[in-house]
C-alpha atoms as a PDB file:
ATOM      1  CA  MET A   1       0.000   0.000   0.000  1.00  0.00           C
ATOM      2  CA  SER A   2       1.260   3.474  -0.781  1.00  0.00           C
ATOM      3  CA  GLU A   3       0.746   6.873   0.671  1.00  0.00           C
ATOM      4  CA  LEU A   4      -2.216   9.023  -0.191  1.00  0.00           C
ATOM      5  CA  ARG A   5      -1.715  11.264  -3.217  1.00  0.00           C
ATOM      6  CA  ASN A   6      -3.709  14.391  -3.922  1.00  0.00           C
ATOM      7  CA  ASN A   7      -3.697  14.544  -7.714  1.00  0.00           C
ATOM      8  CA  THR A   8      -4.769  18.165  -8.054  1.00  0.00           C
ATOM      9  CA  ASP A   9      -4.564  18.079 -11.872  1.00  0.00           C
ATOM     10  CA  GLU A  10      -7.255  15.366 -11.952  1.00  0.00           C
ATOM     11  CA  GLN A  11      -9.015  16.623  -8.780  1.00  0.00           C
ATOM     12  CA  ARG A  12      -8.834  13.254  -7.105  1.00  0.00           C
ATOM     13  CA  TYR A  13      -7.232  11.572  -4.161  1.00  0.00           C
ATOM     14  CA  GLU A  14      -5.452   8.324  -5.040  1.00  0.00           C
ATOM     15  CA  MET A  15      -4.004   5.387  -3.119  1.00  0.00           C
ATOM     16  CA  ASP A  16      -2.265   2.320  -4.543  1.00  0.00           C
ATOM     17  CA  GLU A  17      -2.521  -1.244  -3.263  1.00  0.00           C
ATOM     18  CA  ASN A  18      -1.279  -4.376  -4.991  1.00  0.00           C
ATOM     19  CA  GLY A  19      -0.471  -2.405  -8.147  1.00  0.00           C
ATOM     20  CA  MET A  20      -4.003  -0.975  -8.422  1.00  0.00           C
ATOM     21  CA  THR A  21      -5.303   2.507  -7.644  1.00  0.00           C
ATOM     22  CA  SER A  22      -8.379   3.432  -5.621  1.00  0.00           C
ATOM     23  CA  TRP A  23      -9.541   7.012  -6.003  1.00  0.00           C
ATOM     24  CA  ALA A  24     -11.973   9.671  -4.870  1.00  0.00           C
ATOM     25  CA  ASN A  25     -12.968  12.467  -7.234  1.00  0.00           C
ATOM     26  CA  TYR A  26     -13.530  15.801  -5.544  1.00  0.00           C
ATOM     27  CA  ARG A  27     -14.240  19.473  -6.081  1.00  0.00           C
ATOM     28  CA  LEU A  28     -12.762  22.147  -3.839  1.00  0.00           C
ATOM     29  CA  VAL A  29     -15.038  25.145  -3.311  1.00  0.00           C
ATOM     30  CA  ASP A  30     -13.904  27.707  -0.740  1.00  0.00           C
ATOM     31  CA  ASP A  31     -13.380  25.814   2.544  1.00  0.00           C
ATOM     32  CA  ARG A  32     -15.293  22.688   1.469  1.00  0.00           C
ATOM     33  CA  ILE A  33     -14.390  19.573  -0.462  1.00  0.00           C
ATOM     34  CA  TYR A  34     -17.231  17.839  -2.279  1.00  0.00           C
ATOM     35  CA  ILE A  35     -16.515  14.102  -2.639  1.00  0.00           C
ATOM     36  CA  ASP A  36     -18.270  13.223  -5.886  1.00  0.00           C
ATOM     37  CA  HIS A  37     -17.235   9.601  -6.372  1.00  0.00           C
ATOM     38  CA  VAL A  38     -15.156   6.961  -4.570  1.00  0.00           C
ATOM     39  CA  GLU A  39     -14.051   3.827  -6.376  1.00  0.00           C
ATOM     40  CA  ALA A  40     -11.787   0.855  -5.826  1.00  0.00           C
ATOM     41  CA  PRO A  41     -10.767  -1.523  -8.618  1.00  0.00           C
ATOM     42  CA  ILE A  42     -12.880  -4.691  -8.695  1.00  0.00           C
ATOM     43  CA  PRO A  43     -10.132  -6.948  -7.257  1.00  0.00           C
ATOM     44  CA  LEU A  44      -9.808  -4.602  -4.239  1.00  0.00           C
ATOM     45  CA  ARG A  45     -13.518  -4.395  -3.464  1.00  0.00           C
ATOM     46  CA  GLY A  46     -14.403  -5.989  -0.167  1.00  0.00           C
ATOM     47  CA  THR A  47     -10.827  -5.653   1.123  1.00  0.00           C
ATOM     48  CA  GLY A  48     -11.316  -2.310   2.872  1.00  0.00           C
ATOM     49  CA  ALA A  49      -9.299  -0.403   0.250  1.00  0.00           C
ATOM     50  CA  ALA A  50     -11.956   2.297  -0.208  1.00  0.00           C
ATOM     51  CA  GLY A  51     -12.266   2.686   3.561  1.00  0.00           C
ATOM     52  CA  ARG A  52      -8.503   3.108   3.927  1.00  0.00           C
ATOM     53  CA  LEU A  53      -8.617   5.716   1.167  1.00  0.00           C
ATOM     54  CA  MET A  54     -11.453   7.545   2.930  1.00  0.00           C
ATOM     55  CA  ALA A  55      -9.601   7.545   6.259  1.00  0.00           C
ATOM     56  CA  ALA A  56      -6.448   8.935   4.657  1.00  0.00           C
ATOM     57  CA  LEU A  57      -8.253  11.619   2.669  1.00  0.00           C
ATOM     58  CA  ALA A  58     -10.363  12.654   5.675  1.00  0.00           C
ATOM     59  CA  ALA A  59      -7.197  13.057   7.755  1.00  0.00           C
ATOM     60  CA  ASP A  60      -5.680  15.186   4.972  1.00  0.00           C
ATOM     61  CA  ILE A  61      -8.822  17.305   4.715  1.00  0.00           C
ATOM     62  CA  ARG A  62      -8.840  17.824   8.491  1.00  0.00           C
ATOM     63  CA  ALA A  63      -5.163  18.876   8.397  1.00  0.00           C
ATOM     64  CA  GLN A  64      -6.096  21.522   5.802  1.00  0.00           C
ATOM     65  CA  GLY A  65      -8.892  22.858   8.028  1.00  0.00           C
ATOM     66  CA  LEU A  66     -11.565  22.030   5.442  1.00  0.00           C
ATOM     67  CA  LYS A  67     -15.019  20.453   5.637  1.00  0.00           C
ATOM     68  CA  ILE A  68     -16.469  17.619   3.546  1.00  0.00           C
ATOM     69  CA  THR A  69     -19.750  17.452   1.674  1.00  0.00           C
ATOM     70  CA  PRO A  70     -20.168  13.881   0.450  1.00  0.00           C
ATOM     71  CA  ILE A  71     -22.084  13.555  -2.802  1.00  0.00           C
ATOM     72  CA  CYS A  72     -21.081   9.916  -3.305  1.00  0.00           C
ATOM     73  CA  GLY A  73     -23.292   7.470  -1.404  1.00  0.00           C
ATOM     74  CA  TYR A  74     -20.296   5.414  -0.265  1.00  0.00           C
ATOM     75  CA  ALA A  75     -18.484   8.491   1.069  1.00  0.00           C
ATOM     76  CA  ALA A  76     -21.630   9.648   2.892  1.00  0.00           C
ATOM     77  CA  ALA A  77     -22.191   6.234   4.507  1.00  0.00           C
ATOM     78  CA  TRP A  78     -18.517   5.896   5.473  1.00  0.00           C
ATOM     79  CA  LEU A  79     -18.475   9.331   7.101  1.00  0.00           C
ATOM     80  CA  ARG A  80     -21.733   8.634   9.000  1.00  0.00           C
ATOM     81  CA  ARG A  81     -20.156   5.486  10.473  1.00  0.00           C
ATOM     82  CA  SER A  82     -16.851   7.195  11.305  1.00  0.00           C
ATOM     83  CA  HIS A  83     -16.600   8.425  14.875  1.00  0.00           C
ATOM     84  CA  GLU A  84     -13.237  10.029  14.143  1.00  0.00           C
ATOM     85  CA  PHE A  85     -14.196  12.018  11.051  1.00  0.00           C
ATOM     86  CA  ARG A  86     -17.957  12.591  11.088  1.00  0.00           C
ATOM     87  CA  ASP A  87     -17.393  16.112  12.463  1.00  0.00           C
ATOM     88  CA  LEU A  88     -15.913  17.076   9.074  1.00  0.00           C
ATOM     89  CA  VAL A  89     -19.280  16.658   7.351  1.00  0.00           C
ATOM     90  CA  SER A  90     -21.236  19.779   6.625  1.00  0.00           C
END
């Protein structure tokens, strides 16, 4: 597994595992990041890869002093279940 990358050119967070990349597309508007879509490659689904990506990106967003508005259903559900990061949702 690699470190989280913020690919600002593509407006997506990325994380590699087993030679495959999970990602979360986002839009930054003022002090808010809208998470539009989170996806893990099919072989990584069910392994927790998307959850690890969400935890890493939420920590990065917190460090920047931003808030999250999840548009993606997966991101919204993950943030609702997260005790550590649910305060970032607005």
